[in-house]
Amino acid sequence: MKNVKTLSTPKDTLIRMQVVHLGKILFNLQFVVVAIMLASILTFIFPAIYYLMLICAAFLSLFLLFANPTFMSMWSGGDNLLKVADILAQSWRYTVPTVFALAIAAIVCLSFDKNHKHPARIIVSVIVCGLAGVTLLAKLINKGGF
């Protein structure tokens, strides 16, 4: 028992492992922000779906629901959805640069791994970074700034 050797990993290897792990976290985190971007796009469809559901309910009830005042008040509910859609449409100012930065940081961190290369993650991050860059440029050209 006296000749037990304690093995230790060099500090630079541990640091590299932590940086690569951070790259994996940033890679996954960029998709959360992409989901927020997609939600801001899809919210413009929700008022149309809302009104289509009201029309279908009216058809299914043979237009008897129009006698109900609660159903009549539901027809003004789409305005609130349009307000939410407008607010989310303005979120590109924050989400697009965030996705761009997360993708670049993920690419840099994942490239530190010497043992296991991450080509799929790096390629996906490059594609997401490119799309975010094109979107940012298009928005800046159309709007004229932030």
C-alpha atoms as a PDB file:
ATOM      1  CA  MET A   1       0.000   0.000   0.000  1.00  0.00           C
ATOM      2  CA  LYS A   2       2.889   2.378   0.433  1.00  0.00           C
ATOM      3  CA  ASN A   3       3.767   2.405  -3.274  1.00  0.00           C
ATOM      4  CA  VAL A   4       0.437   3.832  -4.470  1.00  0.00           C
ATOM      5  CA  LYS A   5       0.952   6.482  -7.129  1.00  0.00           C
ATOM      6  CA  THR A   6      -1.468   9.329  -7.499  1.00  0.00           C
ATOM      7  CA  LEU A   7      -2.083  10.209 -11.108  1.00  0.00           C
ATOM      8  CA  SER A   8      -2.939  13.769 -11.927  1.00  0.00           C
ATOM      9  CA  THR A   9      -4.001  15.360 -15.155  1.00  0.00           C
ATOM     10  CA  PRO A  10      -1.923  18.306 -16.343  1.00  0.00           C
ATOM     11  CA  LYS A  11      -3.552  21.677 -15.810  1.00  0.00           C
ATOM     12  CA  ASP A  12      -3.475  22.651 -19.468  1.00  0.00           C
ATOM     13  CA  THR A  13      -5.404  19.480 -20.331  1.00  0.00           C
ATOM     14  CA  LEU A  14      -7.991  20.247 -17.677  1.00  0.00           C
ATOM     15  CA  ILE A  15      -8.364  23.796 -18.923  1.00  0.00           C
ATOM     16  CA  ARG A  16      -8.727  22.582 -22.503  1.00  0.00           C
ATOM     17  CA  MET A  17     -11.391  20.080 -21.400  1.00  0.00           C
ATOM     18  CA  GLN A  18     -13.335  22.829 -19.635  1.00  0.00           C
ATOM     19  CA  VAL A  19     -13.119  25.124 -22.652  1.00  0.00           C
ATOM     20  CA  VAL A  20     -14.398  22.349 -24.920  1.00  0.00           C
ATOM     21  CA  HIS A  21     -17.228  21.664 -22.472  1.00  0.00           C
ATOM     22  CA  LEU A  22     -18.080  25.367 -22.543  1.00  0.00           C
ATOM     23  CA  GLY A  23     -18.142  25.126 -26.340  1.00  0.00           C
ATOM     24  CA  LYS A  24     -20.663  22.288 -26.144  1.00  0.00           C
ATOM     25  CA  ILE A  25     -22.824  24.335 -23.776  1.00  0.00           C
ATOM     26  CA  LEU A  26     -22.653  27.380 -26.053  1.00  0.00           C
ATOM     27  CA  PHE A  27     -23.509  25.187 -29.035  1.00  0.00           C
ATOM     28  CA  ASN A  28     -26.672  24.006 -27.297  1.00  0.00           C
ATOM     29  CA  LEU A  29     -27.489  27.481 -26.001  1.00  0.00           C
ATOM     30  CA  GLN A  30     -27.483  28.994 -29.474  1.00  0.00           C
ATOM     31  CA  PHE A  31     -30.505  26.866 -30.346  1.00  0.00           C
ATOM     32  CA  VAL A  32     -32.492  28.363 -27.478  1.00  0.00           C
ATOM     33  CA  VAL A  33     -31.974  31.792 -28.996  1.00  0.00           C
ATOM     34  CA  VAL A  34     -32.758  30.442 -32.489  1.00  0.00           C
ATOM     35  CA  ALA A  35     -36.033  29.097 -31.061  1.00  0.00           C
ATOM     36  CA  ILE A  36     -36.848  32.580 -29.744  1.00  0.00           C
ATOM     37  CA  MET A  37     -36.104  33.997 -33.199  1.00  0.00           C
ATOM     38  CA  LEU A  38     -38.415  31.454 -34.811  1.00  0.00           C
ATOM     39  CA  ALA A  39     -41.103  32.206 -32.242  1.00  0.00           C
ATOM     40  CA  SER A  40     -40.944  35.872 -33.187  1.00  0.00           C
ATOM     41  CA  ILE A  41     -41.540  34.893 -36.807  1.00  0.00           C
ATOM     42  CA  LEU A  42     -44.313  32.410 -36.068  1.00  0.00           C
ATOM     43  CA  THR A  43     -46.282  34.777 -33.841  1.00  0.00           C
ATOM     44  CA  PHE A  44     -47.569  36.545 -36.944  1.00  0.00           C
ATOM     45  CA  ILE A  45     -49.351  33.313 -37.886  1.00  0.00           C
ATOM     46  CA  PHE A  46     -51.113  32.945 -34.522  1.00  0.00           C
ATOM     47  CA  PRO A  47     -53.781  35.654 -35.078  1.00  0.00           C
ATOM     48  CA  ALA A  48     -54.766  34.000 -38.358  1.00  0.00           C
ATOM     49  CA  ILE A  49     -55.037  30.631 -36.631  1.00  0.00           C
ATOM     50  CA  TYR A  50     -57.051  32.253 -33.829  1.00  0.00           C
ATOM     51  CA  TYR A  51     -59.588  33.738 -36.238  1.00  0.00           C
ATOM     52  CA  LEU A  52     -59.772  30.512 -38.257  1.00  0.00           C
ATOM     53  CA  MET A  53     -60.609  28.620 -35.069  1.00  0.00           C
ATOM     54  CA  LEU A  54     -63.366  31.129 -34.288  1.00  0.00           C
ATOM     55  CA  ILE A  55     -64.783  30.756 -37.800  1.00  0.00           C
ATOM     56  CA  CYS A  56     -64.679  26.949 -37.525  1.00  0.00           C
ATOM     57  CA  ALA A  57     -66.441  27.106 -34.149  1.00  0.00           C
ATOM     58  CA  ALA A  58     -69.114  29.322 -35.688  1.00  0.00           C
ATOM     59  CA  PHE A  59     -69.615  26.927 -38.595  1.00  0.00           C
ATOM     60  CA  LEU A  60     -69.741  23.887 -36.316  1.00  0.00           C
ATOM     61  CA  SER A  61     -72.398  25.496 -34.116  1.00  0.00           C
ATOM     62  CA  LEU A  62     -74.394  26.560 -37.164  1.00  0.00           C
ATOM     63  CA  PHE A  63     -73.759  30.197 -36.215  1.00  0.00           C
ATOM     64  CA  LEU A  64     -75.631  29.820 -32.914  1.00  0.00           C
ATOM     65  CA  LEU A  65     -72.519  30.975 -31.031  1.00  0.00           C
ATOM     66  CA  PHE A  66     -73.053  34.515 -32.305  1.00  0.00           C
ATOM     67  CA  ALA A  67     -75.950  34.796 -29.840  1.00  0.00           C
ATOM     68  CA  ASN A  68     -73.462  34.331 -26.995  1.00  0.00           C
ATOM     69  CA  PRO A  69     -71.874  37.659 -25.883  1.00  0.00           C
ATOM     70  CA  THR A  70     -68.718  35.887 -24.709  1.00  0.00           C
ATOM     71  CA  PHE A  71     -68.147  34.491 -28.189  1.00  0.00           C
ATOM     72  CA  MET A  72     -68.697  37.925 -29.682  1.00  0.00           C
ATOM     73  CA  SER A  73     -66.090  39.416 -27.360  1.00  0.00           C
ATOM     74  CA  MET A  74     -63.581  36.793 -28.519  1.00  0.00           C
ATOM     75  CA  TRP A  75     -63.441  38.424 -31.933  1.00  0.00           C
ATOM     76  CA  SER A  76     -61.472  41.315 -30.444  1.00  0.00           C
ATOM     77  CA  GLY A  77     -58.915  38.936 -28.859  1.00  0.00           C
ATOM     78  CA  GLY A  78     -56.741  38.848 -31.956  1.00  0.00           C
ATOM     79  CA  ASP A  79     -55.617  42.411 -31.307  1.00  0.00           C
ATOM     80  CA  ASN A  80     -53.705  41.284 -28.236  1.00  0.00           C
ATOM     81  CA  LEU A  81     -51.989  38.591 -30.286  1.00  0.00           C
ATOM     82  CA  LEU A  82     -50.959  41.204 -32.834  1.00  0.00           C
ATOM     83  CA  LYS A  83     -49.449  43.355 -30.071  1.00  0.00           C
ATOM     84  CA  VAL A  84     -47.427  40.387 -28.810  1.00  0.00           C
ATOM     85  CA  ALA A  85     -46.316  39.615 -32.366  1.00  0.00           C
ATOM     86  CA  ASP A  86     -45.193  43.203 -32.840  1.00  0.00           C
ATOM     87  CA  ILE A  87     -43.181  43.154 -29.622  1.00  0.00           C
ATOM     88  CA  LEU A  88     -41.539  39.847 -30.544  1.00  0.00           C
ATOM     89  CA  ALA A  89     -40.778  41.174 -34.027  1.00  0.00           C
ATOM     90  CA  GLN A  90     -38.589  43.815 -32.394  1.00  0.00           C
ATOM     91  CA  SER A  91     -36.581  41.143 -30.565  1.00  0.00           C
ATOM     92  CA  TRP A  92     -34.247  40.660 -33.547  1.00  0.00           C
ATOM     93  CA  ARG A  93     -32.090  43.459 -32.149  1.00  0.00           C
ATOM     94  CA  TYR A  94     -31.118  41.187 -29.307  1.00  0.00           C
ATOM     95  CA  THR A  95     -31.498  37.662 -30.632  1.00  0.00           C
ATOM     96  CA  VAL A  96     -29.587  37.914 -33.907  1.00  0.00           C
ATOM     97  CA  PRO A  97     -26.382  39.377 -32.395  1.00  0.00           C
ATOM     98  CA  THR A  98     -26.662  36.910 -29.510  1.00  0.00           C
ATOM     99  CA  VAL A  99     -26.880  33.932 -31.882  1.00  0.00           C
ATOM    100  CA  PHE A 100     -23.967  35.339 -33.884  1.00  0.00           C
ATOM    101  CA  ALA A 101     -21.806  35.699 -30.762  1.00  0.00           C
ATOM    102  CA  LEU A 102     -22.772  32.295 -29.358  1.00  0.00           C
ATOM    103  CA  ALA A 103     -21.977  30.567 -32.654  1.00  0.00           C
ATOM    104  CA  ILE A 104     -18.565  32.206 -32.909  1.00  0.00           C
ATOM    105  CA  ALA A 105     -17.766  31.420 -29.276  1.00  0.00           C
ATOM    106  CA  ALA A 106     -18.860  27.789 -29.767  1.00  0.00           C
ATOM    107  CA  ILE A 107     -16.638  27.454 -32.853  1.00  0.00           C
ATOM    108  CA  VAL A 108     -13.635  28.869 -31.013  1.00  0.00           C
ATOM    109  CA  CYS A 109     -14.143  26.741 -27.916  1.00  0.00           C
ATOM    110  CA  LEU A 110     -14.776  23.525 -29.837  1.00  0.00           C
ATOM    111  CA  SER A 111     -11.622  23.979 -31.880  1.00  0.00           C
ATOM    112  CA  PHE A 112      -9.473  23.580 -28.737  1.00  0.00           C
ATOM    113  CA  ASP A 113     -10.153  19.843 -28.494  1.00  0.00           C
ATOM    114  CA  LYS A 114      -7.091  17.868 -29.584  1.00  0.00           C
ATOM    115  CA  ASN A 115      -8.447  14.383 -28.940  1.00  0.00           C
ATOM    116  CA  HIS A 116     -11.923  14.484 -30.454  1.00  0.00           C
ATOM    117  CA  LYS A 117     -12.782  16.836 -33.273  1.00  0.00           C
ATOM    118  CA  HIS A 118     -16.339  18.123 -33.473  1.00  0.00           C
ATOM    119  CA  PRO A 119     -16.896  18.635 -37.206  1.00  0.00           C
ATOM    120  CA  ALA A 120     -20.689  18.383 -37.106  1.00  0.00           C
ATOM    121  CA  ARG A 121     -21.031  20.908 -34.288  1.00  0.00           C
ATOM    122  CA  ILE A 122     -18.566  23.277 -35.892  1.00  0.00           C
ATOM    123  CA  ILE A 123     -20.269  23.063 -39.302  1.00  0.00           C
ATOM    124  CA  VAL A 124     -23.703  23.657 -37.772  1.00  0.00           C
ATOM    125  CA  SER A 125     -22.335  26.607 -35.801  1.00  0.00           C
ATOM    126  CA  VAL A 126     -20.771  28.049 -38.959  1.00  0.00           C
ATOM    127  CA  ILE A 127     -24.103  27.737 -40.783  1.00  0.00           C
ATOM    128  CA  VAL A 128     -26.008  29.333 -37.899  1.00  0.00           C
ATOM    129  CA  CYS A 129     -23.383  32.079 -37.687  1.00  0.00           C
ATOM    130  CA  GLY A 130     -23.648  32.727 -41.422  1.00  0.00           C
ATOM    131  CA  LEU A 131     -27.439  32.881 -41.326  1.00  0.00           C
ATOM    132  CA  ALA A 132     -27.338  35.189 -38.320  1.00  0.00           C
ATOM    133  CA  GLY A 133     -24.799  37.414 -40.069  1.00  0.00           C
ATOM    134  CA  VAL A 134     -26.882  37.621 -43.237  1.00  0.00           C
ATOM    135  CA  THR A 135     -30.023  38.318 -41.203  1.00  0.00           C
ATOM    136  CA  LEU A 136     -28.262  41.010 -39.202  1.00  0.00           C
ATOM    137  CA  LEU A 137     -26.950  42.691 -42.341  1.00  0.00           C
ATOM    138  CA  ALA A 138     -30.360  42.520 -44.015  1.00  0.00           C
ATOM    139  CA  LYS A 139     -32.089  43.997 -40.980  1.00  0.00           C
ATOM    140  CA  LEU A 140     -29.513  46.753 -40.633  1.00  0.00           C
ATOM    141  CA  ILE A 141     -29.775  47.643 -44.324  1.00  0.00           C
ATOM    142  CA  ASN A 142     -33.589  47.648 -44.238  1.00  0.00           C
ATOM    143  CA  LYS A 143     -33.997  49.501 -40.951  1.00  0.00           C
ATOM    144  CA  GLY A 144     -30.925  51.688 -41.158  1.00  0.00           C
ATOM    145  CA  GLY A 145     -29.561  50.714 -37.747  1.00  0.00           C
ATOM    146  CA  PHE A 146     -30.633  49.433 -34.392  1.00  0.00           C
END
